[in-house]
N, C-alpha and C. Protein backbone atom coordinates (compact mmCIF):
# COMPACT_ATOMS: atom_id res chain seq x y z
N MET A 1 -16.90 19.33 -128.97
CA MET A 1 -17.91 18.49 -129.58
C MET A 1 -18.40 19.15 -130.86
N THR A 2 -18.53 18.37 -131.90
CA THR A 2 -19.00 18.92 -133.17
C THR A 2 -20.48 18.65 -133.32
N SER A 3 -21.15 19.61 -133.91
CA SER A 3 -22.57 19.46 -134.18
C SER A 3 -22.76 18.83 -135.55
N GLY A 4 -23.98 18.40 -135.80
CA GLY A 4 -24.29 17.82 -137.09
C GLY A 4 -24.36 18.89 -138.17
N PRO A 5 -24.41 18.45 -139.41
CA PRO A 5 -24.47 19.41 -140.51
C PRO A 5 -25.78 20.20 -140.51
N ASP A 6 -25.67 21.46 -140.91
CA ASP A 6 -26.82 22.34 -141.02
C ASP A 6 -26.83 22.94 -142.42
N PRO A 7 -28.02 23.22 -142.95
CA PRO A 7 -28.06 23.88 -144.26
C PRO A 7 -27.67 25.35 -144.13
N ILE A 8 -26.99 25.85 -145.14
CA ILE A 8 -26.58 27.25 -145.18
C ILE A 8 -26.82 27.75 -146.60
N SER A 9 -27.20 28.99 -146.73
CA SER A 9 -27.41 29.58 -148.05
C SER A 9 -26.21 30.45 -148.41
N VAL A 10 -25.74 30.30 -149.63
CA VAL A 10 -24.68 31.17 -150.15
C VAL A 10 -25.16 31.75 -151.47
N MET A 11 -24.74 32.97 -151.73
CA MET A 11 -25.10 33.63 -152.98
C MET A 11 -23.87 33.65 -153.88
N ILE A 12 -24.03 33.12 -155.07
CA ILE A 12 -22.97 33.11 -156.06
C ILE A 12 -23.55 33.61 -157.37
N LEU A 13 -23.05 34.71 -157.83
CA LEU A 13 -23.50 35.33 -159.07
C LEU A 13 -25.02 35.51 -159.07
N ASP A 14 -25.50 36.10 -157.98
CA ASP A 14 -26.92 36.44 -157.79
C ASP A 14 -27.85 35.24 -157.75
N ARG A 15 -27.31 34.08 -157.48
CA ARG A 15 -28.13 32.89 -157.32
C ARG A 15 -27.87 32.30 -155.94
N GLU A 16 -28.95 31.84 -155.33
CA GLU A 16 -28.82 31.24 -154.00
C GLU A 16 -28.61 29.74 -154.12
N TYR A 17 -27.64 29.25 -153.36
CA TYR A 17 -27.35 27.82 -153.31
C TYR A 17 -27.40 27.39 -151.85
N ARG A 18 -28.10 26.29 -151.59
CA ARG A 18 -28.17 25.75 -150.23
C ARG A 18 -27.17 24.60 -150.14
N VAL A 19 -26.32 24.70 -149.13
CA VAL A 19 -25.27 23.71 -148.93
C VAL A 19 -25.33 23.27 -147.48
N THR A 20 -25.06 22.02 -147.24
CA THR A 20 -25.04 21.49 -145.89
C THR A 20 -23.59 21.41 -145.42
N CYS A 21 -23.36 21.93 -144.23
CA CYS A 21 -22.01 21.86 -143.65
C CYS A 21 -22.12 21.89 -142.13
N THR A 22 -21.04 21.50 -141.49
CA THR A 22 -21.01 21.56 -140.03
C THR A 22 -20.74 23.00 -139.60
N PRO A 23 -21.06 23.33 -138.37
CA PRO A 23 -20.77 24.69 -137.89
C PRO A 23 -19.28 25.05 -137.99
N GLU A 24 -18.40 24.06 -137.83
CA GLU A 24 -16.96 24.30 -137.92
C GLU A 24 -16.53 24.67 -139.33
N GLU A 25 -17.27 24.19 -140.33
CA GLU A 25 -16.93 24.45 -141.73
C GLU A 25 -17.59 25.72 -142.27
N ARG A 26 -18.50 26.28 -141.51
CA ARG A 26 -19.32 27.40 -141.99
C ARG A 26 -18.49 28.59 -142.48
N SER A 27 -17.54 29.05 -141.69
CA SER A 27 -16.80 30.26 -142.08
C SER A 27 -15.95 30.01 -143.32
N SER A 28 -15.33 28.83 -143.43
CA SER A 28 -14.52 28.56 -144.62
C SER A 28 -15.41 28.38 -145.85
N LEU A 29 -16.60 27.83 -145.68
CA LEU A 29 -17.53 27.71 -146.80
C LEU A 29 -17.98 29.08 -147.28
N LEU A 30 -18.30 29.97 -146.35
CA LEU A 30 -18.70 31.34 -146.71
C LEU A 30 -17.56 32.07 -147.42
N GLU A 31 -16.34 31.88 -146.95
CA GLU A 31 -15.19 32.50 -147.59
C GLU A 31 -14.98 31.94 -149.00
N ALA A 32 -15.11 30.63 -149.15
CA ALA A 32 -14.96 30.00 -150.46
C ALA A 32 -16.03 30.50 -151.43
N ALA A 33 -17.25 30.62 -150.95
CA ALA A 33 -18.35 31.12 -151.79
C ALA A 33 -18.08 32.56 -152.21
N SER A 34 -17.55 33.36 -151.32
CA SER A 34 -17.23 34.76 -151.64
C SER A 34 -16.13 34.84 -152.70
N ILE A 35 -15.09 34.02 -152.54
CA ILE A 35 -14.00 34.00 -153.52
C ILE A 35 -14.52 33.56 -154.88
N LEU A 36 -15.33 32.52 -154.90
CA LEU A 36 -15.90 32.03 -156.16
C LEU A 36 -16.81 33.08 -156.79
N ASP A 37 -17.63 33.72 -155.99
CA ASP A 37 -18.52 34.77 -156.49
C ASP A 37 -17.71 35.90 -157.13
N ASN A 38 -16.65 36.33 -156.45
CA ASN A 38 -15.80 37.40 -157.00
C ASN A 38 -15.15 36.99 -158.31
N GLN A 39 -14.64 35.76 -158.36
CA GLN A 39 -14.00 35.25 -159.58
C GLN A 39 -15.01 35.21 -160.73
N MET A 40 -16.20 34.72 -160.47
CA MET A 40 -17.22 34.61 -161.51
C MET A 40 -17.68 36.00 -161.97
N ARG A 41 -17.78 36.93 -161.06
CA ARG A 41 -18.15 38.31 -161.44
C ARG A 41 -17.08 38.95 -162.32
N GLN A 42 -15.82 38.71 -162.01
CA GLN A 42 -14.75 39.24 -162.85
C GLN A 42 -14.83 38.68 -164.27
N ILE A 43 -15.08 37.40 -164.37
CA ILE A 43 -15.20 36.77 -165.69
C ILE A 43 -16.40 37.33 -166.43
N ARG A 44 -17.53 37.44 -165.74
CA ARG A 44 -18.74 37.96 -166.39
C ARG A 44 -18.55 39.40 -166.84
N SER A 45 -17.81 40.19 -166.05
CA SER A 45 -17.62 41.60 -166.40
C SER A 45 -16.60 41.81 -167.51
N SER A 46 -16.01 40.74 -168.00
CA SER A 46 -15.04 40.87 -169.08
C SER A 46 -15.70 41.38 -170.36
N GLY A 47 -17.03 41.41 -170.36
CA GLY A 47 -17.75 42.02 -171.48
C GLY A 47 -18.33 41.02 -172.46
N ARG A 48 -17.82 39.83 -172.45
CA ARG A 48 -18.36 38.84 -173.38
C ARG A 48 -19.54 38.12 -172.73
N LEU A 49 -20.59 37.94 -173.48
CA LEU A 49 -21.74 37.21 -172.94
C LEU A 49 -21.38 35.74 -172.84
N MET A 50 -21.60 35.18 -171.68
CA MET A 50 -21.30 33.77 -171.46
C MET A 50 -22.40 33.15 -170.63
N ALA A 51 -22.62 31.89 -170.89
CA ALA A 51 -23.57 31.13 -170.07
C ALA A 51 -22.98 30.92 -168.68
N LEU A 52 -23.85 30.78 -167.70
CA LEU A 52 -23.42 30.58 -166.31
C LEU A 52 -22.48 29.38 -166.20
N GLU A 53 -22.78 28.32 -166.91
CA GLU A 53 -21.95 27.13 -166.85
C GLU A 53 -20.53 27.42 -167.33
N ARG A 54 -20.40 28.18 -168.39
CA ARG A 54 -19.08 28.53 -168.93
C ARG A 54 -18.32 29.42 -167.94
N ILE A 55 -19.01 30.37 -167.33
CA ILE A 55 -18.39 31.23 -166.32
C ILE A 55 -17.89 30.38 -165.16
N ALA A 56 -18.70 29.42 -164.72
CA ALA A 56 -18.32 28.57 -163.59
C ALA A 56 -17.10 27.72 -163.93
N VAL A 57 -17.05 27.18 -165.14
CA VAL A 57 -15.91 26.36 -165.54
C VAL A 57 -14.64 27.20 -165.61
N LEU A 58 -14.74 28.40 -166.20
CA LEU A 58 -13.57 29.27 -166.27
C LEU A 58 -13.10 29.68 -164.88
N ALA A 59 -14.03 29.97 -163.98
CA ALA A 59 -13.67 30.31 -162.61
C ALA A 59 -12.98 29.13 -161.93
N ALA A 60 -13.51 27.93 -162.13
CA ALA A 60 -12.89 26.73 -161.54
C ALA A 60 -11.48 26.53 -162.07
N LEU A 61 -11.29 26.74 -163.37
CA LEU A 61 -9.95 26.61 -163.95
C LEU A 61 -8.99 27.64 -163.37
N ASN A 62 -9.44 28.89 -163.26
CA ASN A 62 -8.60 29.95 -162.70
C ASN A 62 -8.20 29.66 -161.26
N LEU A 63 -9.18 29.27 -160.45
CA LEU A 63 -8.91 29.01 -159.03
C LEU A 63 -8.02 27.78 -158.85
N THR A 64 -8.22 26.76 -159.68
CA THR A 64 -7.38 25.56 -159.61
C THR A 64 -5.95 25.89 -160.01
N ASP A 65 -5.79 26.71 -161.04
CA ASP A 65 -4.47 27.14 -161.47
C ASP A 65 -3.76 27.89 -160.34
N GLU A 66 -4.47 28.80 -159.69
CA GLU A 66 -3.90 29.54 -158.56
C GLU A 66 -3.48 28.60 -157.44
N LYS A 67 -4.31 27.59 -157.15
CA LYS A 67 -3.98 26.64 -156.08
C LYS A 67 -2.75 25.83 -156.44
N LEU A 68 -2.68 25.36 -157.69
CA LEU A 68 -1.52 24.56 -158.11
C LEU A 68 -0.24 25.38 -158.02
N LYS A 69 -0.30 26.64 -158.43
CA LYS A 69 0.88 27.51 -158.34
C LYS A 69 1.27 27.74 -156.88
N ALA A 70 0.30 27.93 -156.02
CA ALA A 70 0.58 28.13 -154.59
C ALA A 70 1.17 26.86 -153.98
N ASP A 71 0.63 25.70 -154.36
CA ASP A 71 1.16 24.43 -153.86
C ASP A 71 2.61 24.25 -154.30
N LYS A 72 2.88 24.53 -155.56
CA LYS A 72 4.23 24.39 -156.10
C LYS A 72 5.18 25.34 -155.38
N LEU A 73 4.75 26.56 -155.16
CA LEU A 73 5.57 27.55 -154.45
C LEU A 73 5.86 27.07 -153.03
N GLY A 74 4.85 26.49 -152.38
CA GLY A 74 5.04 25.96 -151.03
C GLY A 74 6.05 24.83 -151.00
N ILE A 75 6.01 23.95 -152.00
CA ILE A 75 6.97 22.85 -152.09
C ILE A 75 8.37 23.40 -152.31
N GLU A 76 8.50 24.38 -153.22
CA GLU A 76 9.80 24.97 -153.49
C GLU A 76 10.35 25.66 -152.25
N ARG A 77 9.51 26.36 -151.52
CA ARG A 77 9.96 27.01 -150.28
C ARG A 77 10.45 25.98 -149.27
N GLN A 78 9.72 24.87 -149.16
CA GLN A 78 10.12 23.82 -148.23
C GLN A 78 11.46 23.24 -148.64
N GLN A 79 11.68 23.03 -149.93
CA GLN A 79 12.95 22.50 -150.41
C GLN A 79 14.09 23.47 -150.10
N ILE A 80 13.85 24.76 -150.27
CA ILE A 80 14.86 25.76 -149.96
C ILE A 80 15.16 25.77 -148.47
N ASN A 81 14.11 25.73 -147.66
CA ASN A 81 14.30 25.70 -146.20
C ASN A 81 15.10 24.46 -145.77
N ASP A 82 14.78 23.31 -146.37
CA ASP A 82 15.50 22.09 -146.05
C ASP A 82 16.97 22.21 -146.43
N ARG A 83 17.21 22.78 -147.60
CA ARG A 83 18.60 22.95 -148.07
C ARG A 83 19.37 23.92 -147.17
N VAL A 84 18.74 25.01 -146.76
CA VAL A 84 19.39 25.97 -145.87
C VAL A 84 19.73 25.31 -144.55
N ARG A 85 18.79 24.52 -144.00
CA ARG A 85 19.06 23.81 -142.74
C ARG A 85 20.24 22.85 -142.88
N LEU A 86 20.27 22.14 -144.01
CA LEU A 86 21.36 21.20 -144.26
C LEU A 86 22.70 21.94 -144.32
N LEU A 87 22.74 23.05 -145.05
CA LEU A 87 23.97 23.83 -145.16
C LEU A 87 24.38 24.42 -143.81
N ALA A 88 23.40 24.89 -143.04
CA ALA A 88 23.70 25.44 -141.71
C ALA A 88 24.28 24.35 -140.81
N ASP A 89 23.73 23.14 -140.89
CA ASP A 89 24.26 22.02 -140.11
C ASP A 89 25.70 21.70 -140.51
N ARG A 90 25.97 21.72 -141.81
CA ARG A 90 27.33 21.46 -142.29
C ARG A 90 28.31 22.52 -141.80
N VAL A 91 27.89 23.78 -141.86
CA VAL A 91 28.75 24.86 -141.38
C VAL A 91 29.01 24.69 -139.90
N GLU A 92 27.98 24.40 -139.14
CA GLU A 92 28.13 24.21 -137.69
C GLU A 92 29.06 23.04 -137.39
N ASN A 93 28.91 21.94 -138.12
CA ASN A 93 29.78 20.78 -137.92
C ASN A 93 31.22 21.12 -138.27
N ALA A 94 31.41 21.87 -139.33
CA ALA A 94 32.76 22.26 -139.74
C ALA A 94 33.41 23.16 -138.69
N LEU A 95 32.63 24.07 -138.13
CA LEU A 95 33.17 24.97 -137.11
C LEU A 95 33.48 24.25 -135.81
N ASN A 96 32.74 23.20 -135.51
CA ASN A 96 32.95 22.44 -134.27
C ASN A 96 34.05 21.39 -134.41
N SER A 97 34.54 21.16 -135.61
CA SER A 97 35.58 20.13 -135.82
C SER A 97 36.95 20.63 -135.48
């Protein structure tokens, strides 16, 4: 049984944000906030003064780029796995003929 949403506080770049989520989503939300906080801190520590909004946009772009690359890699792996299975089936059929 799932419980209703509860407010949770996350700290991102020394600012507190209250977000509502279900208990089942809590750990992934905390992990996402931690990843975002780390990404934003890396950008801020690059030495250039930037507004929080600019840091957030750059972090979002970086994380989205990483996700797209991971998605593409996953698709390519699946295509390779499918091709290997097809070739293995052909070899097996040839050996059984």
